[in-house]
Amino acid sequence: LNKGLEREALRCAGLIVFFLDKSWSNH
């Protein structure tokens, strides 16, 4: 969610976001 428009939307939204890092994909 850190691509252009999504990133800007999150920045403006005031949401709390927990990103599971890429290592979660290995499980």
mmCIF file of all heavy atoms, coordinates in Angstrom:
data_MODEL
# 
_entry.id   MODEL 
# 
loop_
_atom_site.group_PDB 
_atom_site.id 
_atom_site.type_symbol 
_atom_site.label_atom_id 
_atom_site.label_alt_id 
_atom_site.label_comp_id 
_atom_site.label_asym_id 
_atom_site.label_entity_id 
_atom_site.label_seq_id 
_atom_site.pdbx_PDB_ins_code 
_atom_site.Cartn_x 
_atom_site.Cartn_y 
_atom_site.Cartn_z 
_atom_site.occupancy 
_atom_site.B_iso_or_equiv 
_atom_site.pdbx_formal_charge 
_atom_site.auth_seq_id 
_atom_site.auth_comp_id 
_atom_site.auth_asym_id 
_atom_site.auth_atom_id 
_atom_site.pdbx_PDB_model_num 
ATOM 1   N N   . LEU A 1 1  ? 0.820  -1.217  0.000  1.00 0.00 ? 1  LEU A N   1 
ATOM 2   C CA  . LEU A 1 1  ? 0.000  0.000   0.000  1.00 0.00 ? 1  LEU A CA  1 
ATOM 3   C C   . LEU A 1 1  ? 0.849  1.259   0.000  1.00 0.00 ? 1  LEU A C   1 
ATOM 4   O O   . LEU A 1 1  ? 0.447  2.296   0.516  1.00 0.00 ? 1  LEU A O   1 
ATOM 5   C CB  . LEU A 1 1  ? -0.945 0.038   1.211  1.00 0.00 ? 1  LEU A CB  1 
ATOM 6   C CG  . LEU A 1 1  ? -2.048 -0.988  1.258  1.00 0.00 ? 1  LEU A CG  1 
ATOM 7   C CD1 . LEU A 1 1  ? -2.830 -0.852  2.563  1.00 0.00 ? 1  LEU A CD1 1 
ATOM 8   C CD2 . LEU A 1 1  ? -2.994 -0.848  0.084  1.00 0.00 ? 1  LEU A CD2 1 
ATOM 9   N N   . ASN A 1 2  ? 2.043  1.161   -0.538 1.00 0.00 ? 2  ASN A N   1 
ATOM 10  C CA  . ASN A 1 2  ? 2.900  2.340   -0.526 1.00 0.00 ? 2  ASN A CA  1 
ATOM 11  C C   . ASN A 1 2  ? 3.187  2.839   -1.930 1.00 0.00 ? 2  ASN A C   1 
ATOM 12  O O   . ASN A 1 2  ? 4.169  3.492   -2.176 1.00 0.00 ? 2  ASN A O   1 
ATOM 13  C CB  . ASN A 1 2  ? 4.196  2.061   0.232  1.00 0.00 ? 2  ASN A CB  1 
ATOM 14  C CG  . ASN A 1 2  ? 5.015  0.962   -0.416 1.00 0.00 ? 2  ASN A CG  1 
ATOM 15  O OD1 . ASN A 1 2  ? 4.626  0.383   -1.426 1.00 0.00 ? 2  ASN A OD1 1 
ATOM 16  N ND2 . ASN A 1 2  ? 6.147  0.660   0.159  1.00 0.00 ? 2  ASN A ND2 1 
ATOM 17  N N   . LYS A 1 3  ? 2.298  2.496   -2.842 1.00 0.00 ? 3  LYS A N   1 
ATOM 18  C CA  . LYS A 1 3  ? 2.400  2.992   -4.199 1.00 0.00 ? 3  LYS A CA  1 
ATOM 19  C C   . LYS A 1 3  ? 1.724  4.350   -4.248 1.00 0.00 ? 3  LYS A C   1 
ATOM 20  O O   . LYS A 1 3  ? 0.813  4.613   -3.478 1.00 0.00 ? 3  LYS A O   1 
ATOM 21  C CB  . LYS A 1 3  ? 1.738  2.004   -5.159 1.00 0.00 ? 3  LYS A CB  1 
ATOM 22  C CG  . LYS A 1 3  ? 2.233  0.563   -5.004 1.00 0.00 ? 3  LYS A CG  1 
ATOM 23  C CD  . LYS A 1 3  ? 1.357  -0.416  -5.756 1.00 0.00 ? 3  LYS A CD  1 
ATOM 24  C CE  . LYS A 1 3  ? 0.019  -0.571  -5.147 1.00 0.00 ? 3  LYS A CE  1 
ATOM 25  N NZ  . LYS A 1 3  ? -0.262 -1.647  -4.273 1.00 0.00 ? 3  LYS A NZ  1 
ATOM 26  N N   . GLY A 1 4  ? 2.115  5.192   -5.114 1.00 0.00 ? 4  GLY A N   1 
ATOM 27  C CA  . GLY A 1 4  ? 1.619  6.543   -5.313 1.00 0.00 ? 4  GLY A CA  1 
ATOM 28  C C   . GLY A 1 4  ? 0.319  6.933   -4.653 1.00 0.00 ? 4  GLY A C   1 
ATOM 29  O O   . GLY A 1 4  ? 0.292  7.508   -3.574 1.00 0.00 ? 4  GLY A O   1 
ATOM 30  N N   . LEU A 1 5  ? -0.824 6.634   -5.296 1.00 0.00 ? 5  LEU A N   1 
ATOM 31  C CA  . LEU A 1 5  ? -2.119 7.104   -4.809 1.00 0.00 ? 5  LEU A CA  1 
ATOM 32  C C   . LEU A 1 5  ? -2.512 6.470   -3.484 1.00 0.00 ? 5  LEU A C   1 
ATOM 33  O O   . LEU A 1 5  ? -3.079 7.131   -2.611 1.00 0.00 ? 5  LEU A O   1 
ATOM 34  C CB  . LEU A 1 5  ? -3.203 6.827   -5.856 1.00 0.00 ? 5  LEU A CB  1 
ATOM 35  C CG  . LEU A 1 5  ? -3.077 7.606   -7.168 1.00 0.00 ? 5  LEU A CG  1 
ATOM 36  C CD1 . LEU A 1 5  ? -4.143 7.148   -8.157 1.00 0.00 ? 5  LEU A CD1 1 
ATOM 37  C CD2 . LEU A 1 5  ? -3.188 9.095   -6.918 1.00 0.00 ? 5  LEU A CD2 1 
ATOM 38  N N   . GLU A 1 6  ? -2.235 5.170   -3.313 1.00 0.00 ? 6  GLU A N   1 
ATOM 39  C CA  . GLU A 1 6  ? -2.568 4.504   -2.054 1.00 0.00 ? 6  GLU A CA  1 
ATOM 40  C C   . GLU A 1 6  ? -1.766 5.120   -0.905 1.00 0.00 ? 6  GLU A C   1 
ATOM 41  O O   . GLU A 1 6  ? -2.292 5.348   0.178  1.00 0.00 ? 6  GLU A O   1 
ATOM 42  C CB  . GLU A 1 6  ? -2.289 2.998   -2.122 1.00 0.00 ? 6  GLU A CB  1 
ATOM 43  C CG  . GLU A 1 6  ? -3.248 2.227   -2.987 1.00 0.00 ? 6  GLU A CG  1 
ATOM 44  C CD  . GLU A 1 6  ? -2.776 2.138   -4.434 1.00 0.00 ? 6  GLU A CD  1 
ATOM 45  O OE1 . GLU A 1 6  ? -1.824 2.843   -4.818 1.00 0.00 ? 6  GLU A OE1 1 
ATOM 46  O OE2 . GLU A 1 6  ? -3.392 1.372   -5.198 1.00 0.00 ? 6  GLU A OE2 1 
ATOM 47  N N   . ARG A 1 7  ? -0.515 5.388   -1.166 1.00 0.00 ? 7  ARG A N   1 
ATOM 48  C CA  . ARG A 1 7  ? 0.342  5.974   -0.141 1.00 0.00 ? 7  ARG A CA  1 
ATOM 49  C C   . ARG A 1 7  ? -0.181 7.349   0.271  1.00 0.00 ? 7  ARG A C   1 
ATOM 50  O O   . ARG A 1 7  ? -0.276 7.670   1.448  1.00 0.00 ? 7  ARG A O   1 
ATOM 51  C CB  . ARG A 1 7  ? 1.767  6.069   -0.669 1.00 0.00 ? 7  ARG A CB  1 
ATOM 52  C CG  . ARG A 1 7  ? 2.758  6.574   0.329  1.00 0.00 ? 7  ARG A CG  1 
ATOM 53  C CD  . ARG A 1 7  ? 4.141  6.594   -0.283 1.00 0.00 ? 7  ARG A CD  1 
ATOM 54  N NE  . ARG A 1 7  ? 5.088  6.974   0.736  1.00 0.00 ? 7  ARG A NE  1 
ATOM 55  C CZ  . ARG A 1 7  ? 6.323  6.561   0.787  1.00 0.00 ? 7  ARG A CZ  1 
ATOM 56  N NH1 . ARG A 1 7  ? 6.782  5.754   -0.127 1.00 0.00 ? 7  ARG A NH1 1 
ATOM 57  N NH2 . ARG A 1 7  ? 7.123  6.957   1.740  1.00 0.00 ? 7  ARG A NH2 1 
ATOM 58  N N   . GLU A 1 8  ? -0.531 8.157   -0.701 1.00 0.00 ? 8  GLU A N   1 
ATOM 59  C CA  . GLU A 1 8  ? -1.056 9.489   -0.408 1.00 0.00 ? 8  GLU A CA  1 
ATOM 60  C C   . GLU A 1 8  ? -2.399 9.393   0.320  1.00 0.00 ? 8  GLU A C   1 
ATOM 61  O O   . GLU A 1 8  ? -2.657 10.150  1.261  1.00 0.00 ? 8  GLU A O   1 
ATOM 62  C CB  . GLU A 1 8  ? -1.207 10.295  -1.697 1.00 0.00 ? 8  GLU A CB  1 
ATOM 63  C CG  . GLU A 1 8  ? -1.630 11.722  -1.474 1.00 0.00 ? 8  GLU A CG  1 
ATOM 64  C CD  . GLU A 1 8  ? -0.649 12.531  -0.627 1.00 0.00 ? 8  GLU A CD  1 
ATOM 65  O OE1 . GLU A 1 8  ? 0.560  12.239  -0.638 1.00 0.00 ? 8  GLU A OE1 1 
ATOM 66  O OE2 . GLU A 1 8  ? -1.119 13.446  0.076  1.00 0.00 ? 8  GLU A OE2 1 
ATOM 67  N N   . ALA A 1 9  ? -3.251 8.454   -0.090 1.00 0.00 ? 9  ALA A N   1 
ATOM 68  C CA  . ALA A 1 9  ? -4.543 8.274   0.577  1.00 0.00 ? 9  ALA A CA  1 
ATOM 69  C C   . ALA A 1 9  ? -4.345 7.879   2.038  1.00 0.00 ? 9  ALA A C   1 
ATOM 70  O O   . ALA A 1 9  ? -5.025 8.408   2.928  1.00 0.00 ? 9  ALA A O   1 
ATOM 71  C CB  . ALA A 1 9  ? -5.371 7.224   -0.157 1.00 0.00 ? 9  ALA A CB  1 
ATOM 72  N N   . LEU A 1 10 ? -3.418 6.971   2.306  1.00 0.00 ? 10 LEU A N   1 
ATOM 73  C CA  . LEU A 1 10 ? -3.141 6.565   3.689  1.00 0.00 ? 10 LEU A CA  1 
ATOM 74  C C   . LEU A 1 10 ? -2.597 7.728   4.498  1.00 0.00 ? 10 LEU A C   1 
ATOM 75  O O   . LEU A 1 10 ? -2.958 7.918   5.660  1.00 0.00 ? 10 LEU A O   1 
ATOM 76  C CB  . LEU A 1 10 ? -2.137 5.408   3.728  1.00 0.00 ? 10 LEU A CB  1 
ATOM 77  C CG  . LEU A 1 10 ? -2.690 4.020   3.498  1.00 0.00 ? 10 LEU A CG  1 
ATOM 78  C CD1 . LEU A 1 10 ? -1.567 3.002   3.478  1.00 0.00 ? 10 LEU A CD1 1 
ATOM 79  C CD2 . LEU A 1 10 ? -3.715 3.646   4.555  1.00 0.00 ? 10 LEU A CD2 1 
ATOM 80  N N   . ARG A 1 11 ? -1.738 8.490   3.895  1.00 0.00 ? 11 ARG A N   1 
ATOM 81  C CA  . ARG A 1 11 ? -1.147 9.636   4.583  1.00 0.00 ? 11 ARG A CA  1 
ATOM 82  C C   . ARG A 1 11 ? -2.238 10.615  5.024  1.00 0.00 ? 11 ARG A C   1 
ATOM 83  O O   . ARG A 1 11 ? -2.182 11.173  6.118  1.00 0.00 ? 11 ARG A O   1 
ATOM 84  C CB  . ARG A 1 11 ? -0.140 10.331  3.663  1.00 0.00 ? 11 ARG A CB  1 
ATOM 85  C CG  . ARG A 1 11 ? 0.766  11.301  4.382  1.00 0.00 ? 11 ARG A CG  1 
ATOM 86  C CD  . ARG A 1 11 ? 1.809  11.928  3.465  1.00 0.00 ? 11 ARG A CD  1 
ATOM 87  N NE  . ARG A 1 11 ? 2.732  10.933  2.967  1.00 0.00 ? 11 ARG A NE  1 
ATOM 88  C CZ  . ARG A 1 11 ? 3.046  10.786  1.671  1.00 0.00 ? 11 ARG A CZ  1 
ATOM 89  N NH1 . ARG A 1 11 ? 2.530  11.562  0.752  1.00 0.00 ? 11 ARG A NH1 1 
ATOM 90  N NH2 . ARG A 1 11 ? 3.902  9.864   1.298  1.00 0.00 ? 11 ARG A NH2 1 
ATOM 91  N N   . CYS A 1 12 ? -3.221 10.818  4.185  1.00 0.00 ? 12 CYS A N   1 
ATOM 92  C CA  . CYS A 1 12 ? -4.298 11.778  4.475  1.00 0.00 ? 12 CYS A CA  1 
ATOM 93  C C   . CYS A 1 12 ? -5.413 11.185  5.334  1.00 0.00 ? 12 CYS A C   1 
ATOM 94  O O   . CYS A 1 12 ? -6.183 11.929  5.941  1.00 0.00 ? 12 CYS A O   1 
ATOM 95  C CB  . CYS A 1 12 ? -4.897 12.283  3.163  1.00 0.00 ? 12 CYS A CB  1 
ATOM 96  S SG  . CYS A 1 12 ? -3.749 13.230  2.166  1.00 0.00 ? 12 CYS A SG  1 
ATOM 97  N N   . ALA A 1 13 ? -5.513 9.866   5.382  1.00 0.00 ? 13 ALA A N   1 
ATOM 98  C CA  . ALA A 1 13 ? -6.661 9.206   6.011  1.00 0.00 ? 13 ALA A CA  1 
ATOM 99  C C   . ALA A 1 13 ? -6.650 9.235   7.528  1.00 0.00 ? 13 ALA A C   1 
ATOM 100 O O   . ALA A 1 13 ? -7.701 9.139   8.159  1.00 0.00 ? 13 ALA A O   1 
ATOM 101 C CB  . ALA A 1 13 ? -6.753 7.757   5.534  1.00 0.00 ? 13 ALA A CB  1 
ATOM 102 N N   . GLY A 1 14 ? -5.482 9.311   8.135  1.00 0.00 ? 14 GLY A N   1 
ATOM 103 C CA  . GLY A 1 14 ? -5.419 9.286   9.587  1.00 0.00 ? 14 GLY A CA  1 
ATOM 104 C C   . GLY A 1 14 ? -5.677 7.918   10.179 1.00 0.00 ? 14 GLY A C   1 
ATOM 105 O O   . GLY A 1 14 ? -6.059 7.802   11.337 1.00 0.00 ? 14 GLY A O   1 
ATOM 106 N N   . LEU A 1 15 ? -5.478 6.871   9.384  1.00 0.00 ? 15 LEU A N   1 
ATOM 107 C CA  . LEU A 1 15 ? -5.660 5.501   9.877  1.00 0.00 ? 15 LEU A CA  1 
ATOM 108 C C   . LEU A 1 15 ? -4.377 5.007   10.540 1.00 0.00 ? 15 LEU A C   1 
ATOM 109 O O   . LEU A 1 15 ? -3.285 5.459   10.222 1.00 0.00 ? 15 LEU A O   1 
ATOM 110 C CB  . LEU A 1 15 ? -6.002 4.562   8.718  1.00 0.00 ? 15 LEU A CB  1 
ATOM 111 C CG  . LEU A 1 15 ? -7.281 4.841   7.950  1.00 0.00 ? 15 LEU A CG  1 
ATOM 112 C CD1 . LEU A 1 15 ? -7.364 3.957   6.719  1.00 0.00 ? 15 LEU A CD1 1 
ATOM 113 C CD2 . LEU A 1 15 ? -8.494 4.642   8.844  1.00 0.00 ? 15 LEU A CD2 1 
ATOM 114 N N   . ILE A 1 16 ? -4.537 4.061   11.425 1.00 0.00 ? 16 ILE A N   1 
ATOM 115 C CA  . ILE A 1 16 ? -3.390 3.339   11.972 1.00 0.00 ? 16 ILE A CA  1 
ATOM 116 C C   . ILE A 1 16 ? -3.234 2.096   11.111 1.00 0.00 ? 16 ILE A C   1 
ATOM 117 O O   . ILE A 1 16 ? -4.204 1.371   10.884 1.00 0.00 ? 16 ILE A O   1 
ATOM 118 C CB  . ILE A 1 16 ? -3.630 2.954   13.444 1.00 0.00 ? 16 ILE A CB  1 
ATOM 119 C CG1 . ILE A 1 16 ? -3.864 4.214   14.287 1.00 0.00 ? 16 ILE A CG1 1 
ATOM 120 C CG2 . ILE A 1 16 ? -2.472 2.131   13.985 1.00 0.00 ? 16 ILE A CG2 1 
ATOM 121 C CD1 . ILE A 1 16 ? -4.430 3.950   15.657 1.00 0.00 ? 16 ILE A CD1 1 
ATOM 122 N N   . VAL A 1 17 ? -2.026 1.857   10.628 1.00 0.00 ? 17 VAL A N   1 
ATOM 123 C CA  . VAL A 1 17 ? -1.804 0.740   9.712  1.00 0.00 ? 17 VAL A CA  1 
ATOM 124 C C   . VAL A 1 17 ? -0.683 -0.139  10.256 1.00 0.00 ? 17 VAL A C   1 
ATOM 125 O O   . VAL A 1 17 ? 0.386  0.358   10.632 1.00 0.00 ? 17 VAL A O   1 
ATOM 126 C CB  . VAL A 1 17 ? -1.433 1.234   8.296  1.00 0.00 ? 17 VAL A CB  1 
ATOM 127 C CG1 . VAL A 1 17 ? -1.309 0.055   7.344  1.00 0.00 ? 17 VAL A CG1 1 
ATOM 128 C CG2 . VAL A 1 17 ? -2.456 2.237   7.784  1.00 0.00 ? 17 VAL A CG2 1 
ATOM 129 N N   . PHE A 1 18 ? -0.943 -1.437  10.281 1.00 0.00 ? 18 PHE A N   1 
ATOM 130 C CA  . PHE A 1 18 ? 0.062  -2.429  10.656 1.00 0.00 ? 18 PHE A CA  1 
ATOM 131 C C   . PHE A 1 18 ? 0.379  -3.238  9.403  1.00 0.00 ? 18 PHE A C   1 
ATOM 132 O O   . PHE A 1 18 ? -0.471 -3.968  8.889  1.00 0.00 ? 18 PHE A O   1 
ATOM 133 C CB  . PHE A 1 18 ? -0.455 -3.349  11.766 1.00 0.00 ? 18 PHE A CB  1 
ATOM 134 C CG  . PHE A 1 18 ? -0.657 -2.633  13.070 1.00 0.00 ? 18 PHE A CG  1 
ATOM 135 C CD1 . PHE A 1 18 ? -1.880 -2.060  13.387 1.00 0.00 ? 18 PHE A CD1 1 
ATOM 136 C CD2 . PHE A 1 18 ? 0.385  -2.523  13.978 1.00 0.00 ? 18 PHE A CD2 1 
ATOM 137 C CE1 . PHE A 1 18 ? -2.073 -1.388  14.580 1.00 0.00 ? 18 PHE A CE1 1 
ATOM 138 C CE2 . PHE A 1 18 ? 0.205  -1.847  15.181 1.00 0.00 ? 18 PHE A CE2 1 
ATOM 139 C CZ  . PHE A 1 18 ? -1.025 -1.278  15.487 1.00 0.00 ? 18 PHE A CZ  1 
ATOM 140 N N   . PHE A 1 19 ? 1.602  -3.070  8.889  1.00 0.00 ? 19 PHE A N   1 
ATOM 141 C CA  . PHE A 1 19 ? 2.054  -3.780  7.708  1.00 0.00 ? 19 PHE A CA  1 
ATOM 142 C C   . PHE A 1 19 ? 2.783  -5.046  8.128  1.00 0.00 ? 19 PHE A C   1 
ATOM 143 O O   . PHE A 1 19 ? 3.794  -4.961  8.844  1.00 0.00 ? 19 PHE A O   1 
ATOM 144 C CB  . PHE A 1 19 ? 3.040  -2.925  6.895  1.00 0.00 ? 19 PHE A CB  1 
ATOM 145 C CG  . PHE A 1 19 ? 2.437  -1.715  6.265  1.00 0.00 ? 19 PHE A CG  1 
ATOM 146 C CD1 . PHE A 1 19 ? 2.596  -0.462  6.838  1.00 0.00 ? 19 PHE A CD1 1 
ATOM 147 C CD2 . PHE A 1 19 ? 1.721  -1.821  5.077  1.00 0.00 ? 19 PHE A CD2 1 
ATOM 148 C CE1 . PHE A 1 19 ? 2.057  0.667   6.245  1.00 0.00 ? 19 PHE A CE1 1 
ATOM 149 C CE2 . PHE A 1 19 ? 1.176  -0.695  4.480  1.00 0.00 ? 19 PHE A CE2 1 
ATOM 150 C CZ  . PHE A 1 19 ? 1.343  0.548   5.065  1.00 0.00 ? 19 PHE A CZ  1 
ATOM 151 N N   . LEU A 1 20 ? 2.295  -6.208  7.721  1.00 0.00 ? 20 LEU A N   1 
ATOM 152 C CA  . LEU A 1 20 ? 3.042  -7.442  7.942  1.00 0.00 ? 20 LEU A CA  1 
ATOM 153 C C   . LEU A 1 20 ? 4.207  -7.422  6.962  1.00 0.00 ? 20 LEU A C   1 
ATOM 154 O O   . LEU A 1 20 ? 4.000  -7.242  5.760  1.00 0.00 ? 20 LEU A O   1 
ATOM 155 C CB  . LEU A 1 20 ? 2.156  -8.667  7.700  1.00 0.00 ? 20 LEU A CB  1 
ATOM 156 C CG  . LEU A 1 20 ? 0.845  -8.726  8.493  1.00 0.00 ? 20 LEU A CG  1 
ATOM 157 C CD1 . LEU A 1 20 ? 0.118  -10.026 8.204  1.00 0.00 ? 20 LEU A CD1 1 
ATOM 158 C CD2 . LEU A 1 20 ? 1.082  -8.552  9.983  1.00 0.00 ? 20 LEU A CD2 1 
ATOM 159 N N   . ASP A 1 21 ? 5.427  -7.572  7.444  1.00 0.00 ? 21 ASP A N   1 
ATOM 160 C CA  . ASP A 1 21 ? 6.571  -7.444  6.540  1.00 0.00 ? 21 ASP A CA  1 
ATOM 161 C C   . ASP A 1 21 ? 6.649  -8.619  5.564  1.00 0.00 ? 21 ASP A C   1 
ATOM 162 O O   . ASP A 1 21 ? 5.919  -9.605  5.688  1.00 0.00 ? 21 ASP A O   1 
ATOM 163 C CB  . ASP A 1 21 ? 7.875  -7.217  7.309  1.00 0.00 ? 21 ASP A CB  1 
ATOM 164 C CG  . ASP A 1 21 ? 8.487  -8.458  7.928  1.00 0.00 ? 21 ASP A CG  1 
ATOM 165 O OD1 . ASP A 1 21 ? 7.951  -9.571  7.748  1.00 0.00 ? 21 ASP A OD1 1 
ATOM 166 O OD2 . ASP A 1 21 ? 9.523  -8.322  8.606  1.00 0.00 ? 21 ASP A OD2 1 
ATOM 167 N N   . LYS A 1 22 ? 7.526  -8.495  4.584  1.00 0.00 ? 22 LYS A N   1 
ATOM 168 C CA  . LYS A 1 22 ? 7.586  -9.471  3.486  1.00 0.00 ? 22 LYS A CA  1 
ATOM 169 C C   . LYS A 1 22 ? 7.911  -10.882 3.950  1.00 0.00 ? 22 LYS A C   1 
ATOM 170 O O   . LYS A 1 22 ? 7.546  -11.846 3.288  1.00 0.00 ? 22 LYS A O   1 
ATOM 171 C CB  . LYS A 1 22 ? 8.575  -9.018  2.422  1.00 0.00 ? 22 LYS A CB  1 
ATOM 172 C CG  . LYS A 1 22 ? 10.002 -8.951  2.882  1.00 0.00 ? 22 LYS A CG  1 
ATOM 173 C CD  . LYS A 1 22 ? 10.911 -8.461  1.782  1.00 0.00 ? 22 LYS A CD  1 
ATOM 174 C CE  . LYS A 1 22 ? 12.330 -8.349  2.314  1.00 0.00 ? 22 LYS A CE  1 
ATOM 175 N NZ  . LYS A 1 22 ? 13.237 -7.868  1.286  1.00 0.00 ? 22 LYS A NZ  1 
ATOM 176 N N   . SER A 1 23 ? 8.540  -11.042 5.091  1.00 0.00 ? 23 SER A N   1 
ATOM 177 C CA  . SER A 1 23 ? 8.884  -12.393 5.560  1.00 0.00 ? 23 SER A CA  1 
ATOM 178 C C   . SER A 1 23 ? 7.642  -13.223 5.902  1.00 0.00 ? 23 SER A C   1 
ATOM 179 O O   . SER A 1 23 ? 7.711  -14.455 5.936  1.00 0.00 ? 23 SER A O   1 
ATOM 180 C CB  . SER A 1 23 ? 9.842  -12.334 6.750  1.00 0.00 ? 23 SER A CB  1 
ATOM 181 O OG  . SER A 1 23 ? 9.239  -11.691 7.841  1.00 0.00 ? 23 SER A OG  1 
ATOM 182 N N   . TRP A 1 24 ? 6.497  -12.583 6.129  1.00 0.00 ? 24 TRP A N   1 
ATOM 183 C CA  . TRP A 1 24 ? 5.265  -13.327 6.375  1.00 0.00 ? 24 TRP A CA  1 
ATOM 184 C C   . TRP A 1 24 ? 4.880  -14.168 5.166  1.00 0.00 ? 24 TRP A C   1 
ATOM 185 O O   . TRP A 1 24 ? 4.201  -15.176 5.301  1.00 0.00 ? 24 TRP A O   1 
ATOM 186 C CB  . TRP A 1 24 ? 4.125  -12.379 6.744  1.00 0.00 ? 24 TRP A CB  1 
ATOM 187 C CG  . TRP A 1 24 ? 4.225  -11.809 8.130  1.00 0.00 ? 24 TRP A CG  1 
ATOM 188 C CD1 . TRP A 1 24 ? 5.135  -10.890 8.574  1.00 0.00 ? 24 TRP A CD1 1 
ATOM 189 C CD2 . TRP A 1 24 ? 3.398  -12.114 9.248  1.00 0.00 ? 24 TRP A CD2 1 
ATOM 190 N NE1 . TRP A 1 24 ? 4.915  -10.608 9.903  1.00 0.00 ? 24 TRP A NE1 1 
ATOM 191 C CE2 . TRP A 1 24 ? 3.847  -11.338 10.332 1.00 0.00 ? 24 TRP A CE2 1 
ATOM 192 C CE3 . TRP A 1 24 ? 2.302  -12.952 9.423  1.00 0.00 ? 24 TRP A CE3 1 
ATOM 193 C CZ2 . TRP A 1 24 ? 3.250  -11.394 11.595 1.00 0.00 ? 24 TRP A CZ2 1 
ATOM 194 C CZ3 . TRP A 1 24 ? 1.700  -13.002 10.676 1.00 0.00 ? 24 TRP A CZ3 1 
ATOM 195 C CH2 . TRP A 1 24 ? 2.179  -12.241 11.741 1.00 0.00 ? 24 TRP A CH2 1 
ATOM 196 N N   . SER A 1 25 ? 5.319  -13.776 3.983  1.00 0.00 ? 25 SER A N   1 
ATOM 197 C CA  . SER A 1 25 ? 5.003  -14.513 2.745  1.00 0.00 ? 25 SER A CA  1 
ATOM 198 C C   . SER A 1 25 ? 5.626  -15.898 2.719  1.00 0.00 ? 25 SER A C   1 
ATOM 199 O O   . SER A 1 25 ? 5.167  -16.776 1.989  1.00 0.00 ? 25 SER A O   1 
ATOM 200 C CB  . SER A 1 25 ? 5.511  -13.746 1.521  1.00 0.00 ? 25 SER A CB  1 
ATOM 201 O OG  . SER A 1 25 ? 4.871  -12.517 1.430  1.00 0.00 ? 25 SER A OG  1 
ATOM 202 N N   . ASN A 1 26 ? 6.662  -16.097 3.499  1.00 0.00 ? 26 ASN A N   1 
ATOM 203 C CA  . ASN A 1 26 ? 7.394  -17.367 3.494  1.00 0.00 ? 26 ASN A CA  1 
ATOM 204 C C   . ASN A 1 26 ? 6.770  -18.434 4.386  1.00 0.00 ? 26 ASN A C   1 
ATOM 205 O O   . ASN A 1 26 ? 7.371  -19.480 4.593  1.00 0.00 ? 26 ASN A O   1 
ATOM 206 C CB  . ASN A 1 26 ? 8.846  -17.138 3.943  1.00 0.00 ? 26 ASN A CB  1 
ATOM 207 C CG  . ASN A 1 26 ? 9.562  -16.148 3.066  1.00 0.00 ? 26 ASN A CG  1 
ATOM 208 O OD1 . ASN A 1 26 ? 9.308  -16.052 1.875  1.00 0.00 ? 26 ASN A OD1 1 
ATOM 209 N ND2 . ASN A 1 26 ? 10.467 -15.387 3.664  1.00 0.00 ? 26 ASN A ND2 1 
ATOM 210 N N   . HIS A 1 27 ? 5.590  -18.170 4.909  1.00 0.00 ? 27 HIS A N   1 
ATOM 211 C CA  . HIS A 1 27 ? 4.989  -19.084 5.880  1.00 0.00 ? 27 HIS A CA  1 
ATOM 212 C C   . HIS A 1 27 ? 3.586  -19.488 5.450  1.00 0.00 ? 27 HIS A C   1 
ATOM 213 O O   . HIS A 1 27 ? 2.893  -18.749 4.756  1.00 0.00 ? 27 HIS A O   1 
ATOM 214 C CB  . HIS A 1 27 ? 4.966  -18.428 7.259  1.00 0.00 ? 27 HIS A CB  1 
ATOM 215 C CG  . HIS A 1 27 ? 6.339  -18.068 7.744  1.00 0.00 ? 27 HIS A CG  1 
ATOM 216 N ND1 . HIS A 1 27 ? 7.178  -18.979 8.317  1.00 0.00 ? 27 HIS A ND1 1 
ATOM 217 C CD2 . HIS A 1 27 ? 7.025  -16.908 7.671  1.00 0.00 ? 27 HIS A CD2 1 
ATOM 218 C CE1 . HIS A 1 27 ? 8.325  -18.388 8.609  1.00 0.00 ? 27 HIS A CE1 1 
ATOM 219 N NE2 . HIS A 1 27 ? 8.252  -17.125 8.221  1.00 0.00 ? 27 HIS A NE2 1 
# 
